Protein backbone atom coordinates (compact mmCIF):
# COMPACT_ATOMS: atom_id res chain seq x y z
CA MET A 1 -38.56 2.71 95.95
CA THR A 2 -39.44 0.20 93.35
CA VAL A 3 -42.37 0.42 91.74
CA PRO A 4 -43.67 -1.53 88.57
CA PHE A 5 -42.51 -0.59 85.00
CA ALA A 6 -44.22 -1.88 81.80
CA VAL A 7 -41.77 -2.00 78.92
CA ASP A 8 -44.60 -1.86 75.67
CA THR A 9 -43.26 -3.28 72.38
CA GLU A 10 -45.60 -3.84 69.34
CA ARG A 11 -45.73 -7.17 70.29
CA THR A 12 -46.17 -7.60 73.65
CA SER A 13 -45.88 -5.59 77.72
CA LEU A 14 -43.18 -6.84 79.44
CA PRO A 15 -43.17 -6.17 83.08
CA GLY A 16 -40.05 -4.51 84.68
CA ASP A 17 -39.02 -2.81 88.38
CA LEU A 18 -37.67 0.62 88.21
CA THR A 19 -35.66 1.75 90.92
CA VAL A 20 -35.05 5.91 91.39
CA PRO A 21 -33.00 7.20 94.25
CA ALA A 22 -33.84 10.94 95.81
CA ASP A 23 -30.25 12.06 94.46
CA ALA A 24 -30.19 10.24 90.51
CA ARG A 25 -27.34 10.65 88.90
CA GLY A 26 -28.29 8.54 86.32
CA VAL A 27 -29.84 4.94 85.31
CA VAL A 28 -28.53 2.34 84.51
CA VAL A 29 -31.15 -0.57 82.30
CA PHE A 30 -30.62 -4.50 82.77
CA ALA A 31 -30.69 -7.12 79.77
CA HIS A 32 -30.54 -10.37 81.55
CA GLY A 33 -29.21 -13.31 80.03
CA SER A 34 -30.28 -16.36 78.26
CA GLY A 35 -32.83 -18.66 80.49
CA SER A 36 -33.51 -15.63 83.31
CA SER A 37 -35.92 -12.68 84.01
CA ARG A 38 -36.14 -9.50 85.45
CA GLN A 39 -35.56 -11.66 88.84
CA SER A 40 -32.01 -12.81 87.89
CA PRO A 41 -30.82 -12.77 91.63
CA ARG A 42 -26.94 -11.28 90.52
CA ASN A 43 -28.45 -8.67 88.22
CA VAL A 44 -30.25 -7.82 91.46
CA ALA A 45 -27.48 -7.79 93.90
CA VAL A 46 -25.20 -6.00 91.04
CA ALA A 47 -28.34 -3.25 90.92
CA ARG A 48 -28.61 -3.06 94.46
CA THR A 49 -25.34 -1.84 94.19
CA LEU A 50 -26.07 0.74 91.71
CA GLN A 51 -28.42 2.28 93.34
CA ASP A 52 -26.34 2.49 97.13
CA ASP A 53 -24.50 4.49 94.61
CA ARG A 54 -26.95 6.64 93.36
CA LEU A 55 -27.65 5.30 90.42
CA ALA A 56 -31.90 4.36 88.93
CA THR A 57 -32.02 0.72 88.04
CA LEU A 58 -34.61 -0.55 85.48
CA LEU A 59 -34.91 -4.39 85.38
CA PHE A 60 -38.01 -5.81 83.41
CA ASP A 61 -38.34 -9.18 81.36
CA LEU A 62 -36.74 -9.35 78.02
CA LEU A 63 -39.88 -12.67 77.04
CA ASP A 64 -43.39 -12.61 77.98
CA ALA A 65 -44.79 -15.75 79.97
CA GLU A 66 -45.91 -17.30 76.67
CA GLU A 67 -42.20 -16.92 74.85
CA GLU A 68 -40.92 -18.15 78.35
CA ARG A 69 -42.55 -21.35 77.76
CA GLU A 70 -42.01 -21.20 73.82
CA ASP A 71 -38.19 -20.67 74.99
CA ALA A 72 -37.97 -23.36 77.53
CA ALA A 73 -39.01 -26.34 74.69
CA THR A 74 -36.89 -24.53 71.99
CA ALA A 75 -34.04 -22.34 73.93
CA GLU A 76 -34.34 -20.69 70.32
CA LEU A 77 -35.87 -17.03 71.62
CA ARG A 78 -32.83 -16.27 74.19
CA PHE A 79 -30.22 -16.65 71.23
CA ASP A 80 -32.34 -13.95 69.11
CA ILE A 81 -30.16 -11.03 69.51
CA GLY A 82 -31.96 -9.38 67.27
CA LEU A 83 -35.28 -9.62 68.99
CA LEU A 84 -34.02 -8.90 72.27
CA ALA A 85 -31.89 -5.90 71.56
CA GLY A 86 -34.99 -4.15 69.84
CA ARG A 87 -37.01 -4.76 73.32
CA LEU A 88 -33.78 -3.19 75.40
CA VAL A 89 -33.71 -0.37 72.50
CA GLU A 90 -37.96 0.18 73.27
CA ALA A 91 -36.79 0.44 77.36
CA LEU A 92 -33.94 2.60 76.68
CA ASP A 93 -36.20 4.65 74.75
CA GLN A 94 -39.39 4.90 77.16
CA VAL A 95 -36.81 5.23 80.25
CA ALA A 96 -35.49 8.71 78.32
CA ARG A 97 -39.06 9.51 77.82
CA ASP A 98 -40.00 8.76 81.64
CA GLU A 99 -40.76 11.65 84.32
CA ARG A 100 -39.11 10.20 86.40
CA THR A 101 -35.86 9.52 85.03
CA ARG A 102 -35.51 11.74 81.83
CA GLY A 103 -32.88 13.96 81.81
CA LEU A 104 -30.47 10.98 83.39
CA PRO A 105 -27.04 10.06 81.83
CA VAL A 106 -28.35 6.30 80.52
CA GLY A 107 -26.26 2.92 80.83
CA VAL A 108 -26.63 -0.88 80.13
CA PHE A 109 -25.66 -3.55 81.82
CA GLY A 110 -25.60 -6.87 80.18
CA ALA A 111 -25.59 -10.52 80.92
CA SER A 112 -24.55 -13.36 79.30
CA THR A 113 -26.15 -12.88 75.86
CA GLY A 114 -27.88 -9.81 77.47
CA ALA A 115 -24.93 -8.56 77.05
CA ALA A 116 -24.87 -9.06 73.00
CA ALA A 117 -28.21 -7.21 72.98
CA ALA A 118 -26.80 -4.38 75.57
CA LEU A 119 -24.00 -3.75 72.51
CA VAL A 120 -26.22 -4.15 69.31
CA ALA A 121 -28.99 -0.98 71.09
CA ALA A 122 -25.84 0.60 72.43
CA ALA A 123 -24.36 0.80 68.88
CA ARG A 124 -28.86 1.38 68.10
CA ARG A 125 -28.97 4.15 69.93
CA PRO A 126 -25.62 6.12 69.96
CA GLY A 127 -26.60 9.60 71.32
CA LEU A 128 -28.40 7.74 74.33
CA VAL A 129 -26.16 5.00 75.93
CA ARG A 130 -23.39 6.77 77.33
CA ALA A 131 -21.77 3.48 78.75
CA VAL A 132 -22.06 -0.53 79.02
CA VAL A 133 -20.57 -3.14 81.24
CA SER A 134 -20.68 -7.03 80.17
CA ARG A 135 -20.92 -9.83 82.27
CA GLY A 136 -20.02 -12.73 81.81
CA GLY A 137 -21.41 -11.91 78.34
CA ARG A 138 -20.60 -13.15 74.48
CA PRO A 139 -20.50 -9.79 73.23
CA ASP A 140 -19.31 -12.15 69.51
CA LEU A 141 -23.20 -12.70 69.68
CA ALA A 142 -23.95 -8.94 68.44
CA GLY A 143 -22.01 -9.01 65.08
CA GLU A 144 -21.26 -6.26 62.93
CA ALA A 145 -22.23 -4.04 65.66
CA LEU A 146 -19.65 -4.39 67.67
CA ASP A 147 -17.71 -2.52 65.20
CA ASP A 148 -20.76 0.29 65.44
CA VAL A 149 -20.60 1.07 69.50
CA THR A 150 -18.55 4.19 70.64
CA CYS A 151 -19.77 5.12 73.68
CA PRO A 152 -17.75 3.43 76.90
CA VAL A 153 -17.48 -0.57 77.39
CA LEU A 154 -16.24 -2.53 79.97
CA LEU A 155 -16.12 -6.28 79.35
CA VAL A 156 -16.29 -8.34 82.82
CA VAL A 157 -15.38 -11.81 83.06
CA GLY A 158 -14.59 -14.77 85.07
CA GLU A 159 -10.82 -15.83 85.25
CA LEU A 160 -11.64 -19.56 84.47
CA ASP A 161 -14.00 -19.03 81.86
CA PRO A 162 -11.35 -19.43 78.99
CA GLN A 163 -13.65 -19.49 76.43
CA VAL A 164 -15.93 -16.38 77.17
CA LEU A 165 -12.71 -14.65 77.65
CA GLN A 166 -11.16 -15.17 74.42
CA LEU A 167 -15.02 -14.04 72.74
CA ASN A 168 -14.18 -10.58 74.31
CA GLU A 169 -10.49 -10.40 74.10
CA GLN A 170 -11.50 -10.50 70.52
CA ALA A 171 -14.44 -8.78 70.63
CA ALA A 172 -12.91 -5.86 72.91
CA ARG A 173 -10.51 -5.48 69.73
CA ARG A 174 -13.44 -4.90 67.33
CA LEU A 175 -14.74 -1.55 69.52
CA ALA A 176 -14.79 1.45 68.25
CA GLY A 177 -14.95 3.13 71.52
CA PRO A 178 -12.94 3.41 74.57
CA GLN A 179 -13.01 -0.74 76.15
CA GLU A 180 -11.61 -2.36 79.53
CA LEU A 181 -11.64 -6.16 79.84
CA ALA A 182 -11.28 -6.82 83.36
CA VAL A 183 -11.28 -10.51 84.62
CA VAL A 184 -12.14 -10.79 87.75
CA PRO A 185 -9.90 -14.22 89.51
CA GLY A 186 -11.29 -17.39 91.03
CA ALA A 187 -14.36 -16.51 88.91
CA THR A 188 -16.87 -19.36 86.83
CA HIS A 189 -19.00 -18.12 84.31
CA LEU A 190 -21.64 -17.54 87.23
CA PHE A 191 -19.48 -15.61 89.25
CA GLU A 192 -21.01 -17.57 92.29
CA GLU A 193 -17.27 -18.09 93.90
CA PRO A 194 -17.37 -15.74 96.80
CA GLY A 195 -16.57 -12.01 96.61
CA THR A 196 -16.16 -12.32 92.73
CA LEU A 197 -20.16 -10.78 92.28
CA GLU A 198 -19.73 -8.23 94.73
CA ARG A 199 -16.32 -7.35 92.86
CA VAL A 200 -18.30 -7.18 89.60
CA ALA A 201 -20.86 -5.23 91.17
CA GLU A 202 -17.85 -2.80 92.63
CA LEU A 203 -16.30 -2.34 89.06
CA ALA A 204 -19.61 -1.59 87.23
CA GLY A 205 -20.02 0.73 89.97
CA GLY A 206 -16.97 2.06 89.22
CA TRP A 207 -17.51 2.06 85.59
CA PHE A 208 -21.13 3.54 85.42
CA ALA A 209 -20.02 6.28 88.17
CA THR A 210 -16.87 7.69 85.72
CA HIS A 211 -18.98 7.49 82.48
CA LEU A 212 -22.37 8.59 83.45
CA SER A 213 -21.84 12.27 84.08
CA ALA A 214 -24.34 14.76 83.99
CA GLY A 215 -21.76 17.26 83.77
């Protein structure tokens, strides 16, 4: 069952959707990519797979409605990784306190620019974030925070996305903790090709199943 979940920050309140299976063994917070929202069809599809794998999920908007209008005109806020990461940290802290998810191991799934925010958040909350999965991410935008990420990180990139693949290869060498780079054959940046998004979901489910263990 999916219920509304508000992520409250100093500046605004961001709407979210929280789904907690009855036998949840962990919780994954999603950070969507540039120009997207919590209703990103790709993230929603991955979230459903994770829910089937007994993982709770939180999808929320990184920008409020006014900010989305501003970003649509300027395309600036989507690249403000400090702002996005700060809001993701707020979401992580609230998930850790919420009675429905308190005590569950926490992971983060980031897409595109949201992956940079996920890595910065993992560096800021090393005792909370157990694992990160990046889909078609821009980990390079995490900057110096890459050197401080100690949790296991899975970087998933499409075979036919050469520039992003190169950026992920470079970022992988800087991560302080365990990392793996998974290249999905025949996939472009948005994983629109048949079967490619399902492969992303499968990889993410396996990563979180391995690294989000209450034991």
